[in-house]
């Protein structure tokens, strides 16, 4: 498993897609692109469409953010290369699934993190047992200021711990800054 991290608009997706394409060409393999974004408004719809247009047309796309460990298990025999874009968006969607319309100041963040952790446990197990070349994209959120609001602070904590777990299991970790790839593990 390869983890690609960095700030927003740093070039993470472009690097992950380049790695996947090189591997696919080298091995004559098909690519599965797991896209975790949800089109919640016109801007997000446009961003998703731009990402789709940037990828090779023959890549298969799975759009979803739940039970991605199962998706990897089911698809790894068909797709020797899998890109999961992006963990941070997956966590955001799962967090909002858990929180619903509740007041962010009254949420049980520890319980929510435990449920999100189960998803990550399953994902990591699927990646560890898969024969596929898996590239996971995530945002590095720890380089900015600490957010003012409870929900944002707690999300930063959860995402930071998840990223540490992913980096620990990854054979390679790449940090992208301003489009420049810095291999920091492997």
N, C-alpha and C. Protein backbone atom coordinates (compact mmCIF):
# COMPACT_ATOMS: atom_id res chain seq x y z
N UNK A 1 0.84 -1.17 0.00
CA UNK A 1 0.00 0.00 0.00
C UNK A 1 0.89 1.24 0.00
N UNK A 2 0.49 2.20 -0.81
CA UNK A 2 1.18 3.49 -0.88
C UNK A 2 0.22 4.56 -0.37
N UNK A 3 0.69 5.43 0.52
CA UNK A 3 -0.09 6.53 1.02
C UNK A 3 0.46 7.82 0.44
N UNK A 4 -0.43 8.63 -0.13
CA UNK A 4 -0.06 9.94 -0.67
C UNK A 4 -0.79 10.98 0.15
N UNK A 5 -0.04 11.86 0.80
CA UNK A 5 -0.63 12.87 1.66
C UNK A 5 -0.08 14.24 1.30
N UNK A 6 -0.73 15.26 1.80
CA UNK A 6 -0.34 16.64 1.55
C UNK A 6 -1.52 17.54 1.79
N UNK A 7 -1.32 18.82 1.59
CA UNK A 7 -2.38 19.78 1.81
C UNK A 7 -3.37 19.80 0.66
N UNK A 8 -4.42 20.59 0.84
CA UNK A 8 -5.43 20.74 -0.21
C UNK A 8 -4.79 21.37 -1.44
N UNK A 9 -5.13 20.84 -2.59
CA UNK A 9 -4.66 21.32 -3.90
C UNK A 9 -3.14 21.27 -4.03
N UNK A 10 -2.53 20.31 -3.35
CA UNK A 10 -1.07 20.20 -3.40
C UNK A 10 -0.57 19.35 -4.56
N UNK A 11 -1.46 18.59 -5.21
CA UNK A 11 -1.05 17.70 -6.29
C UNK A 11 -1.11 16.24 -5.91
N UNK A 12 -1.74 15.93 -4.79
CA UNK A 12 -1.83 14.54 -4.31
C UNK A 12 -2.52 13.64 -5.32
N UNK A 13 -3.68 14.06 -5.78
CA UNK A 13 -4.46 13.24 -6.72
C UNK A 13 -3.68 13.02 -8.00
N UNK A 14 -3.08 14.07 -8.50
CA UNK A 14 -2.31 13.95 -9.74
C UNK A 14 -1.18 12.93 -9.57
N UNK A 15 -0.48 12.98 -8.43
CA UNK A 15 0.60 12.02 -8.18
C UNK A 15 0.05 10.60 -8.09
N UNK A 16 -1.03 10.41 -7.34
CA UNK A 16 -1.61 9.07 -7.19
C UNK A 16 -2.05 8.52 -8.55
N UNK A 17 -2.67 9.36 -9.35
CA UNK A 17 -3.13 8.92 -10.67
C UNK A 17 -1.94 8.60 -11.58
N UNK A 18 -0.88 9.38 -11.48
CA UNK A 18 0.33 9.11 -12.27
C UNK A 18 0.95 7.77 -11.86
N UNK A 19 1.04 7.52 -10.55
CA UNK A 19 1.58 6.25 -10.05
C UNK A 19 0.73 5.08 -10.55
N UNK A 20 -0.58 5.23 -10.45
CA UNK A 20 -1.48 4.16 -10.88
C UNK A 20 -1.35 3.91 -12.37
N UNK A 21 -1.29 4.96 -13.15
CA UNK A 21 -1.19 4.82 -14.60
C UNK A 21 0.13 4.16 -15.00
N UNK A 22 1.22 4.56 -14.36
CA UNK A 22 2.52 3.94 -14.65
C UNK A 22 2.50 2.45 -14.33
N UNK A 23 1.93 2.11 -13.20
CA UNK A 23 1.85 0.70 -12.79
C UNK A 23 0.95 -0.08 -13.75
N UNK A 24 -0.17 0.52 -14.11
CA UNK A 24 -1.11 -0.14 -15.02
C UNK A 24 -0.48 -0.38 -16.39
N UNK A 25 0.23 0.60 -16.90
CA UNK A 25 0.90 0.45 -18.20
C UNK A 25 2.00 -0.60 -18.10
N UNK A 26 2.79 -0.53 -17.05
CA UNK A 26 3.89 -1.48 -16.86
C UNK A 26 3.40 -2.92 -16.81
N UNK A 27 2.29 -3.12 -16.08
CA UNK A 27 1.79 -4.48 -15.86
C UNK A 27 0.65 -4.87 -16.80
N UNK A 28 0.24 -3.96 -17.66
CA UNK A 28 -0.91 -4.24 -18.51
C UNK A 28 -2.16 -4.47 -17.67
N UNK A 29 -2.32 -3.67 -16.63
CA UNK A 29 -3.39 -3.89 -15.64
C UNK A 29 -4.51 -2.87 -15.77
N UNK A 30 -5.65 -3.24 -15.26
CA UNK A 30 -6.79 -2.34 -15.16
C UNK A 30 -6.74 -1.62 -13.82
N UNK A 31 -7.35 -0.42 -13.78
CA UNK A 31 -7.34 0.40 -12.57
C UNK A 31 -8.77 0.60 -12.08
N UNK A 32 -8.95 0.42 -10.77
CA UNK A 32 -10.19 0.78 -10.11
C UNK A 32 -9.93 2.04 -9.31
N UNK A 33 -10.75 3.04 -9.54
CA UNK A 33 -10.65 4.31 -8.84
C UNK A 33 -11.82 4.41 -7.88
N UNK A 34 -11.55 4.40 -6.59
CA UNK A 34 -12.59 4.52 -5.57
C UNK A 34 -12.67 6.00 -5.18
N UNK A 35 -13.77 6.62 -5.57
CA UNK A 35 -13.98 8.05 -5.33
C UNK A 35 -14.96 8.23 -4.19
N UNK A 36 -14.53 8.92 -3.13
CA UNK A 36 -15.33 9.01 -1.93
C UNK A 36 -16.14 10.30 -1.81
N UNK A 37 -15.99 11.20 -2.76
CA UNK A 37 -16.72 12.47 -2.70
C UNK A 37 -18.20 12.28 -2.99
N UNK A 38 -18.99 13.16 -2.41
CA UNK A 38 -20.43 13.18 -2.65
C UNK A 38 -20.77 14.57 -3.19
N UNK A 39 -21.54 14.59 -4.26
CA UNK A 39 -21.95 15.86 -4.87
C UNK A 39 -23.06 16.49 -4.03
N UNK A 40 -22.67 17.41 -3.15
CA UNK A 40 -23.64 18.04 -2.25
C UNK A 40 -24.12 19.39 -2.76
N UNK A 41 -23.40 19.96 -3.72
CA UNK A 41 -23.79 21.24 -4.31
C UNK A 41 -23.17 21.36 -5.69
N UNK A 42 -23.44 22.46 -6.37
CA UNK A 42 -22.95 22.65 -7.74
C UNK A 42 -21.43 22.69 -7.81
N UNK A 43 -20.80 23.32 -6.84
CA UNK A 43 -19.33 23.39 -6.84
C UNK A 43 -18.71 22.00 -6.72
N UNK A 44 -19.24 21.18 -5.81
CA UNK A 44 -18.71 19.84 -5.63
C UNK A 44 -18.99 18.99 -6.86
N UNK A 45 -20.14 19.16 -7.45
CA UNK A 45 -20.46 18.43 -8.68
C UNK A 45 -19.44 18.75 -9.76
N UNK A 46 -19.08 20.02 -9.90
CA UNK A 46 -18.08 20.44 -10.89
C UNK A 46 -16.71 19.85 -10.56
N UNK A 47 -16.32 19.86 -9.29
CA UNK A 47 -15.02 19.29 -8.90
C UNK A 47 -14.95 17.79 -9.23
N UNK A 48 -16.04 17.09 -8.93
CA UNK A 48 -16.07 15.66 -9.23
C UNK A 48 -15.95 15.43 -10.73
N UNK A 49 -16.66 16.21 -11.50
CA UNK A 49 -16.59 16.07 -12.97
C UNK A 49 -15.19 16.38 -13.49
N UNK A 50 -14.53 17.37 -12.94
CA UNK A 50 -13.16 17.70 -13.35
C UNK A 50 -12.21 16.55 -13.03
N UNK A 51 -12.38 15.94 -11.86
CA UNK A 51 -11.55 14.78 -11.50
C UNK A 51 -11.80 13.63 -12.47
N UNK A 52 -13.06 13.38 -12.81
CA UNK A 52 -13.37 12.30 -13.76
C UNK A 52 -12.71 12.55 -15.10
N UNK A 53 -12.78 13.79 -15.57
CA UNK A 53 -12.20 14.13 -16.88
C UNK A 53 -10.67 13.98 -16.88
N UNK A 54 -10.05 14.17 -15.72
CA UNK A 54 -8.58 14.08 -15.63
C UNK A 54 -8.09 12.63 -15.65
N UNK A 55 -8.96 11.68 -15.31
CA UNK A 55 -8.55 10.27 -15.27
C UNK A 55 -8.72 9.63 -16.65
N UNK A 56 -7.91 8.61 -16.92
CA UNK A 56 -8.11 7.86 -18.17
C UNK A 56 -9.54 7.30 -18.23
N UNK A 57 -10.14 7.41 -19.39
CA UNK A 57 -11.55 7.02 -19.56
C UNK A 57 -11.79 5.53 -19.31
N UNK A 58 -10.77 4.70 -19.53
CA UNK A 58 -10.97 3.25 -19.38
C UNK A 58 -10.87 2.78 -17.92
N UNK A 59 -10.50 3.66 -17.00
CA UNK A 59 -10.47 3.26 -15.60
C UNK A 59 -11.90 3.10 -15.11
N UNK A 60 -12.12 2.08 -14.28
CA UNK A 60 -13.44 1.89 -13.68
C UNK A 60 -13.50 2.73 -12.40
N UNK A 61 -14.64 3.35 -12.18
CA UNK A 61 -14.82 4.17 -10.98
C UNK A 61 -15.90 3.57 -10.10
N UNK A 62 -15.59 3.45 -8.82
CA UNK A 62 -16.59 3.10 -7.81
C UNK A 62 -16.78 4.35 -6.97
N UNK A 63 -18.01 4.87 -6.93
CA UNK A 63 -18.30 6.03 -6.12
C UNK A 63 -18.97 5.57 -4.83
N UNK A 64 -18.33 5.85 -3.72
CA UNK A 64 -18.87 5.45 -2.43
C UNK A 64 -17.84 5.68 -1.34
N UNK A 65 -18.31 5.68 -0.11
CA UNK A 65 -17.39 5.91 1.01
C UNK A 65 -17.62 4.94 2.16
N UNK A 66 -18.58 4.07 2.05
CA UNK A 66 -18.86 3.10 3.10
C UNK A 66 -18.31 1.74 2.71
N UNK A 67 -17.86 0.99 3.72
CA UNK A 67 -17.43 -0.39 3.55
C UNK A 67 -16.44 -0.56 2.39
N UNK A 68 -15.43 0.29 2.37
CA UNK A 68 -14.45 0.23 1.28
C UNK A 68 -13.53 -0.97 1.40
N UNK A 69 -13.39 -1.50 2.60
CA UNK A 69 -12.64 -2.75 2.75
C UNK A 69 -13.31 -3.86 1.94
N UNK A 70 -14.62 -3.94 2.01
CA UNK A 70 -15.35 -4.94 1.22
C UNK A 70 -15.17 -4.71 -0.27
N UNK A 71 -15.21 -3.46 -0.68
CA UNK A 71 -15.03 -3.14 -2.11
C UNK A 71 -13.65 -3.59 -2.58
N UNK A 72 -12.64 -3.35 -1.79
CA UNK A 72 -11.28 -3.77 -2.16
C UNK A 72 -11.20 -5.28 -2.23
N UNK A 73 -11.77 -5.97 -1.25
CA UNK A 73 -11.75 -7.44 -1.27
C UNK A 73 -12.45 -7.98 -2.52
N UNK A 74 -13.60 -7.43 -2.85
CA UNK A 74 -14.38 -7.91 -3.99
C UNK A 74 -13.71 -7.60 -5.32
N UNK A 75 -13.04 -6.48 -5.41
CA UNK A 75 -12.53 -6.02 -6.70
C UNK A 75 -11.04 -6.31 -6.94
N UNK A 76 -10.32 -6.69 -5.91
CA UNK A 76 -8.87 -6.84 -6.08
C UNK A 76 -8.48 -7.93 -7.08
N UNK A 77 -9.32 -8.93 -7.25
CA UNK A 77 -8.98 -9.95 -8.25
C UNK A 77 -9.19 -9.42 -9.66
N UNK A 78 -10.06 -8.44 -9.83
CA UNK A 78 -10.33 -7.86 -11.14
C UNK A 78 -9.44 -6.68 -11.47
N UNK A 79 -8.92 -6.02 -10.43
CA UNK A 79 -8.16 -4.78 -10.63
C UNK A 79 -6.84 -4.85 -9.88
N UNK A 80 -5.75 -5.09 -10.60
CA UNK A 80 -4.44 -5.15 -9.96
C UNK A 80 -3.95 -3.81 -9.41
N UNK A 81 -4.60 -2.71 -9.84
CA UNK A 81 -4.25 -1.39 -9.34
C UNK A 81 -5.53 -0.72 -8.84
N UNK A 82 -5.48 -0.23 -7.59
CA UNK A 82 -6.63 0.45 -6.99
C UNK A 82 -6.15 1.77 -6.40
N UNK A 83 -6.90 2.83 -6.72
CA UNK A 83 -6.66 4.14 -6.12
C UNK A 83 -7.87 4.47 -5.26
N UNK A 84 -7.63 4.85 -4.01
CA UNK A 84 -8.70 5.29 -3.11
C UNK A 84 -8.48 6.77 -2.86
N UNK A 85 -9.43 7.58 -3.32
CA UNK A 85 -9.31 9.04 -3.26
C UNK A 85 -10.56 9.61 -2.61
N UNK A 86 -10.68 10.01 -1.46
CA UNK A 86 -9.63 10.24 -0.50
C UNK A 86 -10.15 9.89 0.88
N UNK A 87 -9.26 9.51 1.75
CA UNK A 87 -9.60 9.10 3.12
C UNK A 87 -10.26 10.24 3.89
N UNK A 88 -9.75 11.43 3.75
CA UNK A 88 -10.29 12.56 4.50
C UNK A 88 -11.76 12.80 4.14
N UNK A 89 -12.06 12.71 2.85
CA UNK A 89 -13.44 12.88 2.40
C UNK A 89 -14.31 11.73 2.91
N UNK A 90 -13.76 10.52 2.87
CA UNK A 90 -14.49 9.37 3.40
C UNK A 90 -14.83 9.59 4.87
N UNK A 91 -13.85 10.02 5.66
CA UNK A 91 -14.07 10.27 7.08
C UNK A 91 -15.11 11.37 7.30
N UNK A 92 -15.04 12.42 6.51
CA UNK A 92 -16.02 13.51 6.61
C UNK A 92 -17.43 12.98 6.40
N UNK A 93 -17.60 12.21 5.32
CA UNK A 93 -18.93 11.67 5.01
C UNK A 93 -19.42 10.73 6.11
N UNK A 94 -18.54 9.88 6.60
CA UNK A 94 -18.92 8.97 7.68
C UNK A 94 -19.25 9.72 8.96
N UNK A 95 -18.47 10.75 9.25
CA UNK A 95 -18.74 11.56 10.44
C UNK A 95 -20.13 12.19 10.36
N UNK A 96 -20.46 12.75 9.21
CA UNK A 96 -21.78 13.37 9.07
C UNK A 96 -22.89 12.33 9.07
N UNK A 97 -22.61 11.13 8.56
CA UNK A 97 -23.59 10.04 8.68
C UNK A 97 -23.89 9.76 10.15
N UNK A 98 -22.83 9.70 10.95
CA UNK A 98 -22.98 9.39 12.37
C UNK A 98 -23.63 10.54 13.14
N UNK A 99 -23.27 11.77 12.79
CA UNK A 99 -23.74 12.93 13.53
C UNK A 99 -25.17 13.32 13.19
N UNK A 100 -25.56 13.08 11.95
CA UNK A 100 -26.89 13.50 11.54
C UNK A 100 -27.06 15.00 11.71
N UNK A 101 -28.19 15.40 12.23
CA UNK A 101 -28.47 16.83 12.44
C UNK A 101 -28.20 17.27 13.87
N UNK A 102 -27.49 16.46 14.63
CA UNK A 102 -27.24 16.78 16.03
C UNK A 102 -26.36 18.02 16.17
N UNK A 103 -26.49 18.67 17.28
CA UNK A 103 -25.67 19.83 17.62
C UNK A 103 -24.22 19.35 17.78
N UNK A 104 -23.28 19.93 17.00
CA UNK A 104 -21.87 19.50 17.08
C UNK A 104 -21.28 19.61 18.48
N UNK A 105 -21.82 20.50 19.30
CA UNK A 105 -21.30 20.65 20.66
C UNK A 105 -21.74 19.52 21.58
N UNK A 106 -22.73 18.75 21.14
CA UNK A 106 -23.29 17.69 21.99
C UNK A 106 -22.99 16.29 21.48
N UNK A 107 -22.18 16.18 20.45
CA UNK A 107 -21.88 14.87 19.88
C UNK A 107 -20.93 14.09 20.79
N UNK A 108 -21.06 12.78 20.76
CA UNK A 108 -20.14 11.90 21.48
C UNK A 108 -19.02 11.53 20.48
N UNK A 109 -18.01 12.38 20.42
CA UNK A 109 -16.95 12.21 19.44
C UNK A 109 -16.15 10.93 19.65
N UNK A 110 -16.02 10.51 20.90
CA UNK A 110 -15.29 9.27 21.16
C UNK A 110 -16.03 8.08 20.54
N UNK A 111 -17.35 8.05 20.70
CA UNK A 111 -18.15 6.96 20.11
C UNK A 111 -18.10 7.02 18.59
N UNK A 112 -18.18 8.23 18.05
CA UNK A 112 -18.10 8.38 16.59
C UNK A 112 -16.74 7.89 16.09
N UNK A 113 -15.68 8.29 16.77
CA UNK A 113 -14.34 7.86 16.34
C UNK A 113 -14.21 6.34 16.41
N UNK A 114 -14.80 5.71 17.41
CA UNK A 114 -14.76 4.24 17.50
C UNK A 114 -15.43 3.61 16.29
N UNK A 115 -16.57 4.16 15.86
CA UNK A 115 -17.25 3.61 14.68
C UNK A 115 -16.44 3.86 13.41
N UNK A 116 -15.85 5.03 13.29
CA UNK A 116 -15.01 5.31 12.13
C UNK A 116 -13.78 4.42 12.13
N UNK A 117 -13.27 4.15 13.31
CA UNK A 117 -12.10 3.29 13.45
C UNK A 117 -12.39 1.88 12.94
N UNK A 118 -13.61 1.40 13.14
CA UNK A 118 -13.98 0.08 12.62
C UNK A 118 -13.88 0.05 11.10
N UNK A 119 -14.32 1.12 10.45
CA UNK A 119 -14.20 1.22 8.98
C UNK A 119 -12.73 1.20 8.56
N UNK A 120 -11.91 1.94 9.29
CA UNK A 120 -10.48 2.00 8.96
C UNK A 120 -9.82 0.66 9.24
N UNK A 121 -10.17 -0.02 10.34
CA UNK A 121 -9.63 -1.35 10.63
C UNK A 121 -9.91 -2.29 9.46
N UNK A 122 -11.15 -2.29 9.00
CA UNK A 122 -11.54 -3.18 7.91
C UNK A 122 -10.81 -2.81 6.62
N UNK A 123 -10.68 -1.53 6.35
CA UNK A 123 -9.95 -1.08 5.17
C UNK A 123 -8.49 -1.52 5.23
N UNK A 124 -7.85 -1.33 6.37
CA UNK A 124 -6.45 -1.73 6.51
C UNK A 124 -6.28 -3.25 6.36
N UNK A 125 -7.21 -4.02 6.92
CA UNK A 125 -7.15 -5.48 6.76
C UNK A 125 -7.29 -5.87 5.29
N UNK A 126 -8.20 -5.21 4.59
CA UNK A 126 -8.40 -5.51 3.17
C UNK A 126 -7.15 -5.17 2.37
N UNK A 127 -6.55 -4.04 2.67
CA UNK A 127 -5.33 -3.64 1.96
C UNK A 127 -4.19 -4.62 2.24
N UNK A 128 -4.06 -5.03 3.49
CA UNK A 128 -2.98 -5.94 3.87
C UNK A 128 -3.11 -7.30 3.20
N UNK A 129 -4.32 -7.75 2.97
CA UNK A 129 -4.52 -9.07 2.37
C UNK A 129 -4.67 -9.03 0.85
N UNK A 130 -4.72 -7.85 0.28
CA UNK A 130 -4.94 -7.72 -1.16
C UNK A 130 -3.64 -7.89 -1.94
N UNK A 131 -3.77 -8.51 -3.11
CA UNK A 131 -2.63 -8.62 -4.03
C UNK A 131 -2.52 -7.38 -4.91
N UNK A 132 -3.54 -6.52 -4.86
CA UNK A 132 -3.54 -5.31 -5.70
C UNK A 132 -2.51 -4.30 -5.22
N UNK A 133 -2.07 -3.48 -6.14
CA UNK A 133 -1.22 -2.33 -5.86
C UNK A 133 -2.18 -1.21 -5.46
N UNK A 134 -2.22 -0.86 -4.17
CA UNK A 134 -3.21 0.08 -3.66
C UNK A 134 -2.54 1.41 -3.31
N UNK A 135 -3.13 2.47 -3.84
CA UNK A 135 -2.65 3.83 -3.59
C UNK A 135 -3.78 4.59 -2.91
N UNK A 136 -3.50 5.09 -1.71
CA UNK A 136 -4.51 5.81 -0.93
C UNK A 136 -4.09 7.27 -0.81
N UNK A 137 -5.05 8.15 -1.06
CA UNK A 137 -4.83 9.59 -0.94
C UNK A 137 -5.51 10.09 0.33
N UNK A 138 -4.84 10.97 1.05
CA UNK A 138 -5.42 11.60 2.23
C UNK A 138 -4.87 13.01 2.36
N UNK A 139 -5.57 13.83 3.10
CA UNK A 139 -5.11 15.20 3.35
C UNK A 139 -4.35 15.25 4.66
N UNK A 140 -3.23 15.96 4.64
CA UNK A 140 -2.50 16.25 5.86
C UNK A 140 -3.11 17.51 6.45
N UNK A 141 -3.78 17.37 7.57
CA UNK A 141 -4.49 18.49 8.17
C UNK A 141 -3.72 19.14 9.31
N UNK A 142 -2.62 18.57 9.68
CA UNK A 142 -1.90 19.03 10.86
C UNK A 142 -0.92 20.15 10.64
N UNK A 143 -0.91 20.75 9.46
CA UNK A 143 0.06 21.81 9.19
C UNK A 143 -0.53 23.21 9.33
N UNK A 144 -1.82 23.29 9.63
CA UNK A 144 -2.47 24.58 9.73
C UNK A 144 -2.76 24.95 11.17
N UNK A 145 -3.57 25.97 11.31
CA UNK A 145 -3.95 26.42 12.65
C UNK A 145 -4.98 25.45 13.23
N UNK A 146 -5.08 25.44 14.54
CA UNK A 146 -6.08 24.63 15.20
C UNK A 146 -7.42 25.35 15.03
N UNK A 147 -8.43 24.65 14.48
CA UNK A 147 -9.71 25.30 14.21
C UNK A 147 -10.40 25.80 15.47
N UNK A 148 -11.23 26.82 15.30
CA UNK A 148 -11.95 27.44 16.40
C UNK A 148 -13.12 26.58 16.88
N UNK A 149 -13.74 25.84 15.97
CA UNK A 149 -14.97 25.13 16.29
C UNK A 149 -14.71 23.69 16.71
N UNK A 150 -15.52 23.20 17.63
CA UNK A 150 -15.36 21.86 18.19
C UNK A 150 -15.37 20.79 17.10
N UNK A 151 -16.35 20.84 16.22
CA UNK A 151 -16.46 19.82 15.16
C UNK A 151 -15.19 19.76 14.33
N UNK A 152 -14.67 20.90 13.93
CA UNK A 152 -13.46 20.94 13.11
C UNK A 152 -12.24 20.44 13.90
N UNK A 153 -12.14 20.84 15.16
CA UNK A 153 -11.00 20.38 15.99
C UNK A 153 -11.05 18.87 16.18
N UNK A 154 -12.23 18.35 16.49
CA UNK A 154 -12.35 16.92 16.71
C UNK A 154 -12.10 16.14 15.42
N UNK A 155 -12.57 16.68 14.28
CA UNK A 155 -12.30 16.02 13.01
C UNK A 155 -10.80 16.00 12.72
N UNK A 156 -10.12 17.10 12.99
CA UNK A 156 -8.67 17.17 12.81
C UNK A 156 -7.98 16.08 13.63
N UNK A 157 -8.41 15.90 14.87
CA UNK A 157 -7.84 14.86 15.73
C UNK A 157 -8.06 13.47 15.15
N UNK A 158 -9.31 13.20 14.74
CA UNK A 158 -9.65 11.88 14.19
C UNK A 158 -8.85 11.62 12.93
N UNK A 159 -8.85 12.58 12.01
CA UNK A 159 -8.13 12.39 10.74
C UNK A 159 -6.63 12.22 10.97
N UNK A 160 -6.08 12.96 11.91
CA UNK A 160 -4.66 12.82 12.22
C UNK A 160 -4.31 11.43 12.71
N UNK A 161 -5.14 10.89 13.59
CA UNK A 161 -4.89 9.53 14.09
C UNK A 161 -5.06 8.50 12.98
N UNK A 162 -6.06 8.68 12.13
CA UNK A 162 -6.25 7.75 11.00
C UNK A 162 -5.05 7.81 10.06
N UNK A 163 -4.59 9.00 9.74
CA UNK A 163 -3.43 9.13 8.85
C UNK A 163 -2.20 8.46 9.44
N UNK A 164 -2.02 8.56 10.74
CA UNK A 164 -0.88 7.89 11.37
C UNK A 164 -0.98 6.37 11.21
N UNK A 165 -2.18 5.84 11.36
CA UNK A 165 -2.38 4.40 11.21
C UNK A 165 -2.11 3.97 9.77
N UNK A 166 -2.60 4.75 8.82
CA UNK A 166 -2.37 4.43 7.41
C UNK A 166 -0.88 4.47 7.08
N UNK A 167 -0.21 5.51 7.55
CA UNK A 167 1.23 5.66 7.28
C UNK A 167 2.03 4.53 7.91
N UNK A 168 1.61 4.09 9.08
CA UNK A 168 2.31 2.99 9.74
C UNK A 168 2.23 1.71 8.92
N UNK A 169 1.08 1.43 8.33
CA UNK A 169 0.91 0.19 7.56
C UNK A 169 1.44 0.30 6.13
N UNK A 170 1.51 1.51 5.61
CA UNK A 170 1.93 1.70 4.21
C UNK A 170 3.40 1.30 4.03
N UNK A 171 3.68 0.71 2.87
CA UNK A 171 5.06 0.41 2.53
C UNK A 171 5.79 1.66 2.06
N UNK A 172 5.04 2.58 1.45
CA UNK A 172 5.58 3.87 1.01
C UNK A 172 4.64 4.97 1.44
N UNK A 173 5.22 6.13 1.79
CA UNK A 173 4.43 7.32 2.06
C UNK A 173 5.07 8.47 1.29
N UNK A 174 4.22 9.20 0.58
CA UNK A 174 4.66 10.37 -0.19
C UNK A 174 3.95 11.60 0.34
N UNK A 175 4.72 12.67 0.56
CA UNK A 175 4.17 13.95 0.99
C UNK A 175 4.31 14.91 -0.19
N UNK A 176 3.20 15.52 -0.60
CA UNK A 176 3.20 16.40 -1.77
C UNK A 176 3.01 17.84 -1.31
N UNK A 177 3.90 18.70 -1.78
CA UNK A 177 3.83 20.13 -1.49
C UNK A 177 4.01 20.88 -2.79
N UNK A 178 3.05 21.73 -3.13
CA UNK A 178 3.13 22.55 -4.35
C UNK A 178 3.46 21.71 -5.58
N UNK A 179 2.88 20.52 -5.65
CA UNK A 179 3.10 19.64 -6.79
C UNK A 179 4.41 18.87 -6.76
N UNK A 180 5.16 19.02 -5.70
CA UNK A 180 6.45 18.33 -5.57
C UNK A 180 6.29 17.15 -4.64
N UNK A 181 6.69 15.98 -5.13
CA UNK A 181 6.59 14.73 -4.38
C UNK A 181 7.84 14.53 -3.54
N UNK A 182 7.61 14.31 -2.25
CA UNK A 182 8.70 13.97 -1.35
C UNK A 182 8.39 12.61 -0.73
N UNK A 183 9.17 11.61 -1.11
CA UNK A 183 8.97 10.28 -0.54
C UNK A 183 9.55 10.29 0.86
N UNK A 184 8.70 10.01 1.86
CA UNK A 184 9.14 10.10 3.25
C UNK A 184 9.20 8.74 3.94
N UNK A 185 8.75 7.69 3.25
CA UNK A 185 8.86 6.34 3.79
C UNK A 185 8.95 5.37 2.64
N UNK A 186 9.81 4.36 2.81
CA UNK A 186 9.88 3.28 1.83
C UNK A 186 10.97 3.41 0.81
